[in-house]
Amino acid sequence: METTQAKVYYSTVSEAIDTLRKKGYDVDFNLAENCIVCFADKYSPEQFDIIEVYRYEGNSDPGDEATVYGIATKSGVKGVLVTNYGASPEGMTEEMLKKMK
């Protein structure tokens, strides 16, 4: 699967998350050093695809910037990852940074 930026824009981060949930993205992923995690499961960059991406910029506070990802793993798990815009944990591999870009 190829990563594509969503053609639809949602007003808020929560609206994007709610819509992804309705589409079956039912788990929450967290960003780790060189992978994404859900419960005890870890997925390296080659084990998942980013299907939808929504970026939000804060009007006055850069801290309000966020990116919402709709992610599908090769094993069939679908979920949501929300990061601060441009966030990258220290020590993250170049492969993971490219995946999240």
N, C-alpha and C. Protein backbone atom coordinates (compact mmCIF):
# COMPACT_ATOMS: atom_id res chain seq x y z
N MET A 1 0.84 -1.18 0.00
CA MET A 1 0.00 0.00 0.00
C MET A 1 0.87 1.24 0.00
N GLU A 2 0.39 2.25 -0.61
CA GLU A 2 1.14 3.49 -0.70
C GLU A 2 0.56 4.53 0.23
N THR A 3 1.44 5.32 0.84
CA THR A 3 0.98 6.39 1.71
C THR A 3 0.38 7.50 0.88
N THR A 4 -0.79 7.97 1.28
CA THR A 4 -1.41 9.08 0.58
C THR A 4 -1.94 10.07 1.58
N GLN A 5 -1.82 11.33 1.28
CA GLN A 5 -2.41 12.36 2.11
C GLN A 5 -3.90 12.39 1.81
N ALA A 6 -4.69 12.46 2.84
CA ALA A 6 -6.14 12.47 2.67
C ALA A 6 -6.58 13.68 1.86
N LYS A 7 -7.58 13.48 1.02
CA LYS A 7 -8.11 14.58 0.22
C LYS A 7 -9.21 15.32 0.97
N VAL A 8 -9.69 14.73 2.04
CA VAL A 8 -10.73 15.33 2.87
C VAL A 8 -10.06 16.03 4.04
N TYR A 9 -10.63 17.14 4.45
CA TYR A 9 -10.07 17.85 5.60
C TYR A 9 -11.13 17.90 6.70
N TYR A 10 -10.74 17.55 7.91
CA TYR A 10 -11.63 17.64 9.05
C TYR A 10 -11.23 18.83 9.90
N SER A 11 -12.19 19.50 10.49
CA SER A 11 -11.94 20.73 11.23
C SER A 11 -11.04 20.55 12.43
N THR A 12 -11.18 19.41 13.10
CA THR A 12 -10.43 19.20 14.33
C THR A 12 -9.76 17.83 14.32
N VAL A 13 -8.79 17.67 15.20
CA VAL A 13 -8.13 16.39 15.37
C VAL A 13 -9.14 15.34 15.81
N SER A 14 -10.00 15.71 16.75
CA SER A 14 -10.98 14.73 17.26
C SER A 14 -11.95 14.29 16.17
N GLU A 15 -12.32 15.18 15.26
CA GLU A 15 -13.20 14.80 14.15
C GLU A 15 -12.50 13.81 13.22
N ALA A 16 -11.22 14.03 12.96
CA ALA A 16 -10.46 13.09 12.12
C ALA A 16 -10.37 11.73 12.79
N ILE A 17 -10.10 11.71 14.10
CA ILE A 17 -10.01 10.45 14.84
C ILE A 17 -11.34 9.73 14.83
N ASP A 18 -12.43 10.45 15.10
CA ASP A 18 -13.76 9.83 15.09
C ASP A 18 -14.08 9.20 13.73
N THR A 19 -13.74 9.89 12.66
CA THR A 19 -14.00 9.37 11.32
C THR A 19 -13.16 8.12 11.05
N LEU A 20 -11.89 8.15 11.45
CA LEU A 20 -11.05 6.96 11.27
C LEU A 20 -11.59 5.78 12.08
N ARG A 21 -12.08 6.04 13.28
CA ARG A 21 -12.67 4.97 14.11
C ARG A 21 -13.86 4.33 13.37
N LYS A 22 -14.67 5.15 12.74
CA LYS A 22 -15.83 4.64 11.99
C LYS A 22 -15.39 3.81 10.79
N LYS A 23 -14.19 4.07 10.29
CA LYS A 23 -13.65 3.31 9.17
C LYS A 23 -12.92 2.05 9.62
N GLY A 24 -12.93 1.76 10.92
CA GLY A 24 -12.32 0.53 11.42
C GLY A 24 -10.93 0.66 11.99
N TYR A 25 -10.44 1.88 12.12
CA TYR A 25 -9.13 2.10 12.75
C TYR A 25 -9.38 2.13 14.25
N ASP A 26 -9.42 0.94 14.87
CA ASP A 26 -9.95 0.87 16.22
C ASP A 26 -8.93 0.73 17.35
N VAL A 27 -7.64 0.70 17.05
CA VAL A 27 -6.65 0.66 18.13
C VAL A 27 -5.86 1.97 18.15
N ASP A 28 -5.22 2.22 19.27
CA ASP A 28 -4.37 3.40 19.41
C ASP A 28 -2.91 2.97 19.33
N PHE A 29 -2.19 3.56 18.39
CA PHE A 29 -0.76 3.32 18.28
C PHE A 29 -0.01 4.43 19.00
N ASN A 30 1.16 4.10 19.48
CA ASN A 30 2.07 5.08 20.06
C ASN A 30 3.38 4.99 19.31
N LEU A 31 4.06 6.11 19.20
CA LEU A 31 5.33 6.17 18.51
C LEU A 31 6.44 5.83 19.49
N ALA A 32 7.29 4.89 19.10
CA ALA A 32 8.44 4.51 19.90
C ALA A 32 9.70 4.85 19.10
N GLU A 33 10.85 4.47 19.62
CA GLU A 33 12.11 4.87 19.00
C GLU A 33 12.22 4.47 17.54
N ASN A 34 11.98 3.23 17.21
CA ASN A 34 12.13 2.75 15.83
C ASN A 34 10.93 1.93 15.38
N CYS A 35 9.77 2.22 15.97
CA CYS A 35 8.59 1.42 15.65
C CYS A 35 7.35 2.15 16.15
N ILE A 36 6.19 1.56 15.85
CA ILE A 36 4.96 1.98 16.50
C ILE A 36 4.54 0.83 17.39
N VAL A 37 3.85 1.14 18.48
CA VAL A 37 3.45 0.10 19.42
C VAL A 37 1.96 0.19 19.72
N CYS A 38 1.39 -0.97 20.01
CA CYS A 38 0.00 -1.09 20.43
C CYS A 38 -0.03 -2.23 21.43
N PHE A 39 -0.36 -1.92 22.66
CA PHE A 39 -0.29 -2.90 23.75
C PHE A 39 1.14 -3.44 23.79
N ALA A 40 1.34 -4.73 23.72
CA ALA A 40 2.69 -5.31 23.77
C ALA A 40 3.27 -5.53 22.37
N ASP A 41 2.48 -5.25 21.33
CA ASP A 41 2.93 -5.48 19.96
C ASP A 41 3.71 -4.29 19.42
N LYS A 42 4.82 -4.59 18.77
CA LYS A 42 5.65 -3.57 18.14
C LYS A 42 5.68 -3.82 16.64
N TYR A 43 5.61 -2.72 15.87
CA TYR A 43 5.62 -2.84 14.40
C TYR A 43 6.73 -1.95 13.85
N SER A 44 7.69 -2.58 13.18
CA SER A 44 8.77 -1.83 12.54
C SER A 44 8.24 -1.21 11.25
N PRO A 45 8.97 -0.26 10.67
CA PRO A 45 8.47 0.45 9.48
C PRO A 45 8.02 -0.45 8.33
N GLU A 46 8.67 -1.58 8.14
CA GLU A 46 8.26 -2.46 7.03
C GLU A 46 7.02 -3.28 7.36
N GLN A 47 6.54 -3.21 8.60
CA GLN A 47 5.38 -3.99 9.00
C GLN A 47 4.07 -3.21 8.99
N PHE A 48 4.11 -1.94 8.59
CA PHE A 48 2.87 -1.16 8.54
C PHE A 48 2.89 -0.17 7.39
N ASP A 49 1.68 0.26 7.01
CA ASP A 49 1.51 1.30 5.99
C ASP A 49 0.68 2.43 6.57
N ILE A 50 1.02 3.63 6.19
CA ILE A 50 0.22 4.80 6.57
C ILE A 50 -0.78 5.01 5.44
N ILE A 51 -2.06 4.87 5.77
CA ILE A 51 -3.11 4.93 4.76
C ILE A 51 -3.68 6.33 4.62
N GLU A 52 -3.87 7.01 5.74
CA GLU A 52 -4.43 8.37 5.73
C GLU A 52 -3.61 9.27 6.64
N VAL A 53 -3.48 10.53 6.24
CA VAL A 53 -2.72 11.51 7.01
C VAL A 53 -3.49 12.82 7.04
N TYR A 54 -3.63 13.38 8.24
CA TYR A 54 -4.28 14.69 8.41
C TYR A 54 -3.36 15.55 9.26
N ARG A 55 -3.01 16.72 8.77
CA ARG A 55 -2.11 17.63 9.50
C ARG A 55 -2.89 18.85 9.98
N TYR A 56 -2.58 19.25 11.21
CA TYR A 56 -3.26 20.41 11.81
C TYR A 56 -2.23 21.38 12.33
N GLU A 57 -2.42 22.65 12.00
CA GLU A 57 -1.52 23.71 12.44
C GLU A 57 -2.26 24.60 13.43
N GLY A 58 -1.58 24.90 14.53
CA GLY A 58 -2.18 25.79 15.52
C GLY A 58 -2.21 27.22 15.00
N ASN A 59 -3.29 27.94 15.27
CA ASN A 59 -3.41 29.32 14.80
C ASN A 59 -2.40 30.24 15.46
N SER A 60 -2.20 30.06 16.76
CA SER A 60 -1.29 30.97 17.45
C SER A 60 -0.21 30.25 18.22
N ASP A 61 -0.38 28.98 18.50
CA ASP A 61 0.56 28.23 19.32
C ASP A 61 1.09 27.03 18.55
N PRO A 62 2.40 27.02 18.23
CA PRO A 62 2.97 25.88 17.51
C PRO A 62 2.77 24.56 18.26
N GLY A 63 2.54 24.61 19.58
CA GLY A 63 2.29 23.42 20.36
C GLY A 63 0.97 22.77 20.01
N ASP A 64 0.09 23.48 19.30
CA ASP A 64 -1.19 22.94 18.89
C ASP A 64 -1.11 22.16 17.58
N GLU A 65 0.06 22.13 16.96
CA GLU A 65 0.22 21.43 15.70
C GLU A 65 0.25 19.93 15.94
N ALA A 66 -0.47 19.18 15.10
CA ALA A 66 -0.55 17.73 15.26
C ALA A 66 -0.72 17.06 13.90
N THR A 67 -0.37 15.78 13.86
CA THR A 67 -0.61 14.96 12.69
C THR A 67 -1.36 13.72 13.14
N VAL A 68 -2.42 13.37 12.41
CA VAL A 68 -3.22 12.19 12.69
C VAL A 68 -2.97 11.19 11.55
N TYR A 69 -2.56 9.97 11.91
CA TYR A 69 -2.28 8.94 10.93
C TYR A 69 -3.29 7.81 11.05
N GLY A 70 -3.83 7.34 9.94
CA GLY A 70 -4.60 6.10 9.87
C GLY A 70 -3.64 5.03 9.38
N ILE A 71 -3.37 4.03 10.22
CA ILE A 71 -2.32 3.05 9.95
C ILE A 71 -2.91 1.65 9.87
N ALA A 72 -2.39 0.85 8.92
CA ALA A 72 -2.74 -0.56 8.81
C ALA A 72 -1.46 -1.38 8.84
N THR A 73 -1.44 -2.39 9.71
CA THR A 73 -0.27 -3.26 9.77
C THR A 73 -0.42 -4.37 8.74
N LYS A 74 0.68 -4.99 8.40
CA LYS A 74 0.65 -6.10 7.44
C LYS A 74 -0.15 -7.28 8.00
N SER A 75 -0.29 -7.35 9.34
CA SER A 75 -1.05 -8.44 9.95
C SER A 75 -2.53 -8.12 10.09
N GLY A 76 -2.95 -6.94 9.60
CA GLY A 76 -4.37 -6.60 9.57
C GLY A 76 -4.88 -5.71 10.68
N VAL A 77 -4.03 -5.29 11.60
CA VAL A 77 -4.45 -4.39 12.67
C VAL A 77 -4.54 -2.98 12.09
N LYS A 78 -5.65 -2.30 12.37
CA LYS A 78 -5.83 -0.92 11.90
C LYS A 78 -5.99 -0.01 13.11
N GLY A 79 -5.30 1.12 13.07
CA GLY A 79 -5.39 2.02 14.21
C GLY A 79 -4.99 3.44 13.87
N VAL A 80 -4.98 4.26 14.92
CA VAL A 80 -4.73 5.69 14.81
C VAL A 80 -3.48 6.03 15.61
N LEU A 81 -2.65 6.90 15.03
CA LEU A 81 -1.49 7.45 15.72
C LEU A 81 -1.60 8.97 15.62
N VAL A 82 -1.48 9.65 16.74
CA VAL A 82 -1.50 11.11 16.77
C VAL A 82 -0.16 11.58 17.32
N THR A 83 0.51 12.44 16.57
CA THR A 83 1.80 12.98 17.02
C THR A 83 1.76 14.50 16.97
N ASN A 84 2.64 15.11 17.77
CA ASN A 84 2.87 16.53 17.60
C ASN A 84 3.54 16.69 16.26
N TYR A 85 3.17 17.72 15.51
CA TYR A 85 3.71 17.92 14.18
C TYR A 85 5.23 18.00 14.26
N GLY A 86 5.90 17.17 13.46
CA GLY A 86 7.35 17.17 13.42
C GLY A 86 8.00 16.42 14.56
N ALA A 87 7.22 15.75 15.39
CA ALA A 87 7.78 15.03 16.53
C ALA A 87 8.58 13.83 16.05
N SER A 88 9.73 13.63 16.66
CA SER A 88 10.52 12.44 16.37
C SER A 88 11.36 12.10 17.59
N PRO A 89 11.11 10.95 18.19
CA PRO A 89 11.88 10.56 19.36
C PRO A 89 13.36 10.48 19.04
N GLU A 90 14.17 10.82 20.01
CA GLU A 90 15.62 10.77 19.85
C GLU A 90 16.05 9.36 19.50
N GLY A 91 16.96 9.22 18.57
CA GLY A 91 17.47 7.92 18.20
C GLY A 91 16.64 7.19 17.16
N MET A 92 15.61 7.83 16.62
CA MET A 92 14.76 7.17 15.63
C MET A 92 15.57 6.95 14.35
N THR A 93 15.41 5.78 13.74
CA THR A 93 16.17 5.47 12.54
C THR A 93 15.69 6.31 11.36
N GLU A 94 16.55 6.43 10.38
CA GLU A 94 16.21 7.17 9.16
C GLU A 94 15.02 6.53 8.45
N GLU A 95 14.96 5.19 8.47
CA GLU A 95 13.85 4.47 7.84
C GLU A 95 12.51 4.85 8.47
N MET A 96 12.49 4.94 9.81
CA MET A 96 11.25 5.30 10.50
C MET A 96 10.89 6.75 10.23
N LEU A 97 11.87 7.65 10.24
CA LEU A 97 11.62 9.06 9.94
C LEU A 97 11.03 9.24 8.54
N LYS A 98 11.55 8.50 7.56
CA LYS A 98 11.03 8.58 6.19
C LYS A 98 9.59 8.09 6.14
N LYS A 99 9.30 7.03 6.87
CA LYS A 99 7.95 6.46 6.89
C LYS A 99 6.94 7.47 7.43
N MET A 100 7.32 8.20 8.46
CA MET A 100 6.41 9.11 9.13
C MET A 100 6.31 10.48 8.44
N LYS A 101 7.19 10.74 7.50
CA LYS A 101 7.22 12.06 6.85
C LYS A 101 6.00 12.30 5.99
